[in-house]
Every structure is written in C-alpha cells, then in structure tokens.
Amino acid sequence: MPRIDFVRLRRPLQVLAGLLVMGLLLAWLLGAFHGRVPPGAPQRPTAAAPDGERFVVAAVATPRTETAIGTVRAVAETLVASRILGRVRTLAITRAGQPVQQGDLLVELDADDLRASADQARAVLRVAETRRDKAQLDFERSRELVQQGIAAPDRLDTDRAAYDAAEAEVERARQNVAGAETALGFATIRAPITGIVVDKQVQPGDVVQPGQPICTLYDPSRLQLVAVVREDLAGRLRVGQSVSVTIDALGEPCAGTVSEIVPTAESRSRSFEVKVTGPCHPGVVTGMFGRLQVPLDTVDELRVPQRAVQSIGQLDFVRAVVDGRPVRRYVRTGRRRDADVEILSGLVAGEVVLVPATPR
C-alpha cells in the first residue's frame, strides 16, 4: 500500500476546520439556531408601576441671602497698662483665659520709694497744720487785744496774713499727700472689668515702664461678629436690623442685631465693616470664624426632597414620571435647605418625580 503523508495533510485539515467553525459562528449570528419571531407588530414591554412617593415640582418663593465672613470679637476689650515705673513684685495672672472679677489684684509693683514719698508728704502736712494752728491762735489773740485797745491794728493785719499763708501751706501739703497716695496706688493694678484674660505680657521680676501693657481683658458676655461686607450689600443693612449669624465651629445659626456699620469703606476691597451683636451660644469665644447672612430679594426656586436626588459619581439625577414610566433625568442642584434641595436645571415646574421611601 502506498504510504499516506500525514504531515502534508495536516495544514489542509486545519484550514478546513477553521472554515467549518467560521460557518457555524456565522449561522449562529444569523439566528439559525434561535426560534423564529412570528410576523406582526412588535409588542411593547409592559412597564412596571413606578415605586415611591410622587412629588410635583413647583416654584417656591424663597428669600435669598448673601454670605459675608467675619470674626467674633469682644464688644468691651480693655488693655491694662502700668502708669508708673516699677518692678513686678506679685503677678496674680497665671495664664491666658483666666477669669477675673472687677477689682481683683492683677499685678503689684515694688513701691518702697513711693511709700516713703507718701510718708514724707504726710509729715509735711502735719508740720503745716501745726504752723497753721499756731498762726490761728496768734490771730485770735491779736484780735482780742485790738478790741481791748491794747494792740495796734497793724498787728491784727500781720497775724491775719500769717494765718492765711499757713492755711495755704496746709492746702498745698494736702495736695502733695493726695498725689503721693495716688502714685502709691498705681503700684497695685487691679482688674477694671469682670472678664477673661486674653494674654499676659509681663513676668515676675520684670521692670515695667509707664504705659507698658500688662494684659488685655475682654467681657465674654458681650461679643460681636465683625463681618466684612461688600459695598453693594452694605446698603441692604440698617442699624437695629435682625440678621442670621452662623458660627462654623458650633454649626448652629443664631439671631443677631446689626449694632454698627462703620461709615468708612476700605478703598482696596470696597467693603464695609458691619458689627452684629446678640445672645451668644455657650462656647463662643473671641477669634472664632462666623458667617453673616445678608438678606436679598425673594426669588422663585424649584425645590424637591433631598431623597429624590440620587448620584452616580459626581452626576445627580432624579426619576421623573413620563407617560407613567420612571425616566432618569440628570439635574444640576443648588443650595440645600432643611430636607429640600434646589434644582437649577433639568426639571421644570409641574413635572412629577419619585421620592424613594429610603435614600439610595
């Protein structure tokens, strides 16, 4: 028998097998292995009933506001400074934030020289009073002698002048004593108001100069928000007007009253300083960041419940009901208020959206 060369037949067989596979795949794509659809109009699939609460989109009259940022500051803030030259002997201020009462001791300076001056002034006063008393006795004696005709009238005039000079010397000595005691009192520095220590600027042993700051106090019960407001918005505010203020650290809005509008505008930023006072929330301290809501005109907004808005990545959409079927509608959202969200585009008034029972 002739010998079959399978090596030469392998390649034609591979080509034939490939053609067969391609033929079968083409037949499958053409539907040869699927059931036939009977002729006629295609049937529309039955739409499932949309689930969720239906909400009719409507325009809501909403007051608009513009935000102005500001900082919480104290209404009453006092800089305590020394009025004399002296060394700090006692420092009652231990830390920033320390509460103090009006009249509490803050700093005591060395005052030995002032105390000596006050004692010297009192001694001079006593000497002057003694001389005045002696001059008064001489004057009264001379007056009796003149009335009796024993002494000449000139002596009465001389004694009266001596008494007047002694009385003037006593008054001058009294003023010196008052000045020395006042200077001695400056060595003891007490709190002028009830408040909180912002910062202490001296240490025990320091030599302070007249006018040198010792510390700063502020009244925590009287705080204000100082906000920078653009000039076009400042015209919408009036002194005594009620406004809304939010302290970001607390996250709670509070009602305030415009107490002052600084009448001078900042030339570079074209803005005004507006000061708002009101009841303070517990925990508010100076330096906190706050926002002032400047009221604007009322506008119509399209608002839907926040549960109706769903997200895919950074895209927001709602399910609008069109011809009884839910249709995905992409929207652009705006401000969120309470449980609603503003719709800037994608919906019109009168359309119906579905609100799921639970957020998705």
Protein backbone atom coordinates (compact mmCIF):
# COMPACT_ATOMS: atom_id res chain seq x y z
CA MET A 1 0.00 0.00 0.00
CA PRO A 2 1.13 3.48 -0.67
CA ARG A 3 2.18 5.38 2.47
CA ILE A 4 -0.01 8.36 3.47
CA ASP A 5 1.96 11.50 4.31
CA PHE A 6 0.01 12.91 7.30
CA VAL A 7 2.43 15.80 7.67
CA ARG A 8 1.38 17.19 4.31
CA LEU A 9 -2.32 16.69 5.02
CA ARG A 10 -2.24 18.44 8.46
CA ARG A 11 -2.33 22.02 7.12
CA PRO A 12 -5.26 21.49 4.66
CA LEU A 13 -7.18 19.86 7.50
CA GLN A 14 -6.56 22.84 9.78
CA VAL A 15 -7.81 25.23 7.09
CA LEU A 16 -10.93 23.12 6.56
CA ALA A 17 -11.64 23.01 10.32
CA GLY A 18 -11.29 26.78 10.51
CA LEU A 19 -13.73 27.31 7.66
CA LEU A 20 -16.21 25.00 9.35
CA VAL A 21 -16.01 26.91 12.67
CA MET A 22 -16.47 30.26 10.91
CA GLY A 23 -19.50 28.90 9.05
CA LEU A 24 -21.13 27.70 12.24
CA LEU A 25 -20.47 31.06 14.01
CA LEU A 26 -21.98 32.99 11.10
CA ALA A 27 -25.05 30.74 11.13
CA TRP A 28 -25.47 31.37 14.89
CA LEU A 29 -25.24 35.13 14.41
CA LEU A 30 -27.90 34.96 11.66
CA GLY A 31 -30.29 33.21 14.06
CA ALA A 32 -30.18 29.77 12.54
CA PHE A 33 -30.22 28.17 15.98
CA HIS A 34 -32.93 30.53 17.54
CA GLY A 35 -36.66 30.35 17.41
CA ARG A 36 -38.46 32.42 14.77
CA VAL A 37 -40.47 35.52 15.78
CA PRO A 38 -43.88 35.40 14.22
CA PRO A 39 -44.64 38.26 11.84
CA GLY A 40 -46.62 41.21 13.10
CA ALA A 41 -46.17 44.46 15.04
CA PRO A 42 -43.63 44.25 17.87
CA GLN A 43 -45.20 44.14 21.30
CA ARG A 44 -44.27 46.91 23.73
CA PRO A 45 -42.97 45.57 27.02
CA THR A 46 -45.23 46.16 29.92
CA ALA A 47 -43.82 48.96 32.16
CA ALA A 48 -43.61 48.20 35.82
CA ALA A 49 -45.51 50.54 38.06
CA PRO A 50 -43.12 53.19 39.41
CA ASP A 51 -42.41 52.72 43.10
CA GLY A 52 -42.06 55.58 45.58
CA GLU A 53 -43.98 58.68 46.55
CA ARG A 54 -44.86 61.08 43.75
CA PHE A 55 -43.81 64.69 44.20
CA VAL A 56 -44.98 67.51 41.92
CA VAL A 57 -42.22 70.02 41.23
CA ALA A 58 -43.37 73.57 41.98
CA ALA A 59 -41.74 77.00 42.22
CA VAL A 60 -41.35 78.11 45.84
CA ALA A 61 -40.85 81.76 46.80
CA THR A 62 -37.60 81.69 48.76
CA PRO A 63 -35.76 84.62 50.36
CA ARG A 64 -32.16 84.68 49.12
CA THR A 65 -29.17 85.66 51.20
CA GLU A 66 -25.54 86.50 50.56
CA THR A 67 -22.82 85.32 52.93
CA ALA A 68 -20.26 87.70 54.43
CA ILE A 69 -17.46 86.25 56.53
CA GLY A 70 -16.36 87.73 59.82
CA THR A 71 -14.63 87.17 63.16
CA VAL A 72 -16.02 87.09 66.67
CA ARG A 73 -14.66 89.93 68.78
CA ALA A 74 -15.42 91.38 72.17
CA VAL A 75 -17.58 94.47 72.45
CA ALA A 76 -15.69 95.56 75.57
CA GLU A 77 -11.95 94.87 75.46
CA THR A 78 -9.63 96.63 77.91
CA LEU A 79 -5.87 97.00 77.72
CA VAL A 80 -4.39 97.12 81.23
CA ALA A 81 -1.09 99.06 81.39
CA SER A 82 1.24 100.39 84.05
CA ARG A 83 1.19 104.11 84.91
CA ILE A 84 4.47 104.17 86.82
CA LEU A 85 7.99 102.77 86.59
CA GLY A 86 8.47 99.75 88.81
CA ARG A 87 9.48 96.13 89.18
CA VAL A 88 6.84 93.40 89.21
CA ARG A 89 6.70 92.00 92.74
CA THR A 90 3.47 89.97 92.55
CA LEU A 91 1.79 88.66 89.41
CA ALA A 92 -1.68 87.24 90.06
CA ILE A 93 -2.25 86.41 86.38
CA THR A 94 -1.26 82.80 85.85
CA ARG A 95 -2.49 82.05 82.33
CA ALA A 96 -4.39 83.31 79.33
CA GLY A 97 -8.09 82.59 79.62
CA GLN A 98 -8.09 83.14 83.39
CA PRO A 99 -11.38 84.67 84.59
CA VAL A 100 -11.14 87.72 86.83
CA GLN A 101 -13.64 89.84 88.72
CA GLN A 102 -13.68 93.61 88.77
CA GLY A 103 -11.32 94.81 91.49
CA ASP A 104 -9.21 91.63 91.63
CA LEU A 105 -5.47 92.09 92.04
CA LEU A 106 -3.58 91.62 88.79
CA VAL A 107 -0.07 92.98 89.40
CA GLU A 108 1.70 94.53 92.38
CA LEU A 109 4.85 96.61 91.79
CA ASP A 110 7.66 97.47 94.18
CA ALA A 111 6.65 100.76 95.76
CA ASP A 112 9.09 101.38 98.62
CA ASP A 113 10.15 104.74 97.21
CA LEU A 114 6.54 105.76 96.59
CA ARG A 115 5.56 104.70 100.10
CA ALA A 116 8.43 106.77 101.50
CA SER A 117 7.32 109.77 99.46
CA ALA A 118 3.78 109.38 100.78
CA ASP A 119 5.03 109.21 104.38
CA GLN A 120 7.16 112.31 103.82
CA ALA A 121 4.20 114.17 102.37
CA ARG A 122 2.08 113.27 105.40
CA ALA A 123 4.83 114.53 107.74
CA VAL A 124 4.99 117.82 105.87
CA LEU A 125 1.23 118.08 106.19
CA ARG A 126 1.43 117.63 109.95
CA VAL A 127 4.08 120.36 110.22
CA ALA A 128 1.95 122.69 108.10
CA GLU A 129 -1.12 122.00 110.22
CA THR A 130 0.89 122.78 113.38
CA ARG A 131 2.05 126.09 111.96
CA ARG A 132 -1.48 126.92 110.88
CA ASP A 133 -2.82 126.19 114.35
CA LYS A 134 -0.13 128.44 115.86
CA ALA A 135 -0.95 131.21 113.37
CA GLN A 136 -4.65 130.85 114.15
CA LEU A 137 -4.01 131.31 117.89
CA ASP A 138 -1.86 134.37 117.24
CA PHE A 139 -4.54 135.86 115.02
CA GLU A 140 -7.32 135.29 117.57
CA ARG A 141 -5.16 136.75 120.40
CA SER A 142 -4.31 139.82 118.34
CA ARG A 143 -7.98 140.36 117.54
CA GLU A 144 -8.86 140.34 121.25
CA LEU A 145 -6.05 142.75 122.06
CA VAL A 146 -7.10 145.12 119.29
CA GLN A 147 -10.69 145.03 120.53
CA GLN A 148 -9.42 145.91 124.02
CA GLY A 149 -7.29 148.72 122.60
CA ILE A 150 -4.09 147.17 123.84
CA ALA A 151 -2.55 146.23 120.46
CA ALA A 152 -2.27 148.28 117.31
CA PRO A 153 -4.49 147.36 114.32
CA ASP A 154 -1.38 146.70 112.20
CA ARG A 155 -0.58 143.67 114.35
CA LEU A 156 -4.01 142.19 113.53
CA ASP A 157 -3.32 142.56 109.82
CA THR A 158 0.09 140.92 110.18
CA ASP A 159 -1.30 137.96 112.11
CA ARG A 160 -4.17 137.58 109.64
CA ALA A 161 -1.69 137.39 106.73
CA ALA A 162 0.42 134.85 108.61
CA TYR A 163 -2.66 132.72 109.26
CA ASP A 164 -3.75 132.86 105.61
CA ALA A 165 -0.26 131.82 104.49
CA ALA A 166 -0.25 128.93 106.95
CA GLU A 167 -3.69 127.80 105.71
CA ALA A 168 -2.43 127.87 102.12
CA GLU A 169 0.61 125.86 103.14
CA VAL A 170 -1.68 123.23 104.69
CA GLU A 171 -3.73 123.01 101.48
CA ARG A 172 -0.58 122.55 99.42
CA ALA A 173 0.62 119.83 101.77
CA ARG A 174 -2.74 118.08 101.45
CA GLN A 175 -2.46 118.11 97.67
CA ASN A 176 1.04 116.64 97.92
CA VAL A 177 -0.27 113.87 100.16
CA ALA A 178 -3.09 113.13 97.71
CA GLY A 179 -0.63 112.98 94.80
CA ALA A 180 1.75 110.71 96.69
CA GLU A 181 -1.04 108.37 97.75
CA THR A 182 -2.36 108.26 94.18
CA ALA A 183 1.09 107.36 92.86
CA LEU A 184 1.36 104.70 95.55
CA GLY A 185 -2.00 103.32 94.44
CA PHE A 186 -0.69 102.94 90.89
CA ALA A 187 1.68 100.27 92.21
CA THR A 188 -1.32 97.98 92.77
CA ILE A 189 -3.00 97.21 89.45
CA ARG A 190 -6.50 95.74 89.70
CA ALA A 191 -8.96 94.46 87.11
CA PRO A 192 -11.07 97.35 85.76
CA ILE A 193 -13.81 95.00 84.50
CA THR A 194 -15.08 91.48 85.04
CA GLY A 195 -13.84 89.36 82.17
CA ILE A 196 -11.30 86.93 80.73
CA VAL A 197 -7.55 87.45 80.41
CA VAL A 198 -6.59 87.40 76.74
CA ASP A 199 -2.84 87.42 77.27
CA LYS A 200 -0.34 88.40 79.94
CA GLN A 201 2.67 90.36 78.74
CA VAL A 202 4.88 90.56 81.86
CA GLN A 203 6.59 88.12 84.19
CA PRO A 204 7.56 88.40 87.88
CA GLY A 205 10.71 90.49 88.22
CA ASP A 206 10.20 92.48 85.02
CA VAL A 207 10.67 96.24 85.14
CA VAL A 208 7.69 97.89 83.51
CA GLN A 209 7.63 101.38 82.06
CA PRO A 210 4.75 103.89 82.23
CA GLY A 211 2.25 102.90 79.56
CA GLN A 212 3.65 99.39 79.09
CA PRO A 213 0.82 96.81 78.59
CA ILE A 214 0.33 94.31 81.38
CA CYS A 215 -2.51 92.24 79.94
CA THR A 216 -5.74 92.50 77.94
CA LEU A 217 -9.20 91.71 79.31
CA TYR A 218 -12.48 91.18 77.50
CA ASP A 219 -16.05 90.73 78.64
CA PRO A 220 -17.23 87.25 77.46
CA SER A 221 -20.88 88.15 77.99
CA ARG A 222 -20.75 90.84 75.30
CA LEU A 223 -19.44 89.51 72.00
CA GLN A 224 -20.00 90.64 68.42
CA LEU A 225 -19.37 89.39 64.92
CA VAL A 226 -17.35 91.87 62.86
CA ALA A 227 -18.00 91.00 59.21
CA VAL A 228 -16.58 92.49 56.02
CA VAL A 229 -19.48 93.29 53.67
CA ARG A 230 -19.23 94.42 50.06
CA GLU A 231 -20.42 97.96 49.46
CA ASP A 232 -23.34 96.80 47.28
CA LEU A 233 -24.56 94.56 50.12
CA ALA A 234 -23.91 97.02 52.94
CA GLY A 235 -26.71 99.21 51.59
CA ARG A 236 -29.19 96.42 52.40
CA LEU A 237 -28.36 96.55 56.11
CA ARG A 238 -29.59 99.01 58.73
CA VAL A 239 -28.64 99.54 62.36
CA GLY A 240 -31.11 97.59 64.51
CA GLN A 241 -31.95 95.11 61.72
CA SER A 242 -32.27 91.42 62.67
CA VAL A 243 -29.96 89.11 60.73
CA SER A 244 -28.87 85.47 60.87
CA VAL A 245 -25.36 84.54 62.00
CA THR A 246 -23.66 81.13 61.90
CA ILE A 247 -20.56 80.18 63.88
CA ASP A 248 -18.87 77.39 61.91
CA ALA A 249 -17.24 75.81 64.97
CA LEU A 250 -20.66 75.32 66.58
CA GLY A 251 -22.65 74.70 63.40
CA GLU A 252 -25.76 76.38 64.76
CA PRO A 253 -27.39 79.57 63.43
CA CYS A 254 -28.32 82.31 65.84
CA ALA A 255 -30.20 85.57 65.56
CA GLY A 256 -28.26 88.82 65.76
CA THR A 257 -28.84 92.54 65.50
CA VAL A 258 -26.80 94.98 63.44
CA SER A 259 -25.32 97.29 66.07
CA GLU A 260 -22.92 99.35 63.95
CA ILE A 261 -21.95 99.95 60.33
CA VAL A 262 -18.56 101.60 60.04
CA PRO A 263 -19.19 104.55 57.70
CA THR A 264 -15.73 104.39 56.09
CA ALA A 265 -15.18 101.89 53.29
CA GLU A 266 -11.94 100.04 52.67
CA SER A 267 -10.62 101.57 49.45
CA ARG A 268 -8.84 98.44 48.20
CA SER A 269 -11.60 95.89 48.82
CA ARG A 270 -14.57 98.29 48.52
CA SER A 271 -16.13 96.87 51.65
CA PHE A 272 -17.56 97.99 54.99
CA GLU A 273 -17.25 96.60 58.49
CA VAL A 274 -20.59 95.54 59.96
CA LYS A 275 -20.85 94.68 63.66
CA VAL A 276 -23.58 92.30 64.80
CA THR A 277 -24.42 91.63 68.44
CA GLY A 278 -26.84 89.23 70.04
CA PRO A 279 -27.23 86.41 72.54
CA CYS A 280 -24.13 84.23 72.44
CA HIS A 281 -24.19 80.45 72.30
CA PRO A 282 -22.25 78.64 75.03
CA GLY A 283 -18.72 78.05 73.85
CA VAL A 284 -18.36 81.15 71.68
CA VAL A 285 -15.02 82.88 72.24
CA THR A 286 -13.19 85.69 70.52
CA GLY A 287 -11.40 84.82 67.30
CA MET A 288 -13.96 82.29 66.05
CA PHE A 289 -14.92 82.30 62.38
CA GLY A 290 -18.50 83.29 61.57
CA ARG A 291 -20.80 83.99 58.65
CA LEU A 292 -23.31 86.81 58.33
CA GLN A 293 -26.33 86.18 56.10
CA VAL A 294 -27.20 89.42 54.28
CA PRO A 295 -30.86 89.25 53.15
CA LEU A 296 -31.53 89.78 49.43
CA ASP A 297 -34.70 89.76 47.30
CA THR A 298 -37.13 86.83 47.22
CA VAL A 299 -36.87 84.55 44.15
CA ASP A 300 -38.79 81.51 42.88
CA GLU A 301 -36.87 78.27 43.29
CA LEU A 302 -37.60 74.73 42.10
CA ARG A 303 -37.16 72.52 45.13
CA VAL A 304 -37.50 68.75 45.55
CA PRO A 305 -36.91 66.50 48.56
CA GLN A 306 -33.29 65.53 49.01
CA ARG A 307 -34.30 61.84 49.00
CA ALA A 308 -35.47 62.25 45.40
CA VAL A 309 -31.96 63.14 44.21
CA GLN A 310 -29.60 60.24 43.56
CA SER A 311 -25.98 60.33 42.47
CA ILE A 312 -23.68 58.41 40.14
CA GLY A 313 -20.17 59.64 40.74
CA GLN A 314 -20.46 63.40 40.52
CA LEU A 315 -23.69 63.34 38.48
CA ASP A 316 -27.04 63.93 40.16
CA PHE A 317 -30.31 62.62 38.74
CA VAL A 318 -33.94 62.13 39.66
CA ARG A 319 -36.54 59.67 38.43
CA ALA A 320 -39.19 61.68 36.60
CA VAL A 321 -42.51 60.08 35.74
CA VAL A 322 -43.13 60.35 31.96
CA ASP A 323 -46.18 58.59 30.46
CA GLY A 324 -46.48 56.54 33.62
CA ARG A 325 -42.90 55.27 33.44
CA PRO A 326 -39.88 56.35 35.52
CA VAL A 327 -37.26 58.08 33.41
CA ARG A 328 -33.83 59.04 34.64
CA ARG A 329 -33.36 62.81 34.43
CA TYR A 330 -29.98 64.37 35.15
CA VAL A 331 -30.20 67.62 37.13
CA ARG A 332 -27.94 70.35 38.48
CA THR A 333 -28.51 71.02 42.15
CA GLY A 334 -28.03 74.20 44.17
CA ARG A 335 -28.43 75.10 47.81
CA ARG A 336 -29.71 72.59 50.32
CA ARG A 337 -32.13 73.80 52.96
CA ASP A 338 -33.64 71.54 55.61
CA ALA A 339 -34.83 68.39 53.77
CA ASP A 340 -35.09 70.06 50.32
CA VAL A 341 -32.59 70.79 47.59
CA GLU A 342 -32.73 73.47 44.89
CA ILE A 343 -32.88 72.32 41.26
CA LEU A 344 -31.05 74.72 38.96
CA SER A 345 -31.62 72.84 35.71
CA GLY A 346 -33.05 69.56 34.44
CA LEU A 347 -36.64 69.98 35.67
CA VAL A 348 -39.50 72.39 35.14
CA ALA A 349 -42.46 73.25 37.33
CA GLY A 350 -45.30 70.74 37.06
CA GLU A 351 -43.20 67.65 36.44
CA VAL A 352 -43.56 64.66 38.74
CA VAL A 353 -40.60 62.95 40.37
CA LEU A 354 -40.42 59.84 42.51
CA VAL A 355 -39.28 60.06 46.13
CA PRO A 356 -37.97 56.70 47.37
CA ALA A 357 -39.04 55.61 50.80
CA THR A 358 -35.39 55.34 51.80
CA PRO A 359 -32.33 57.13 50.34
CA ARG A 360 -30.48 55.19 47.64
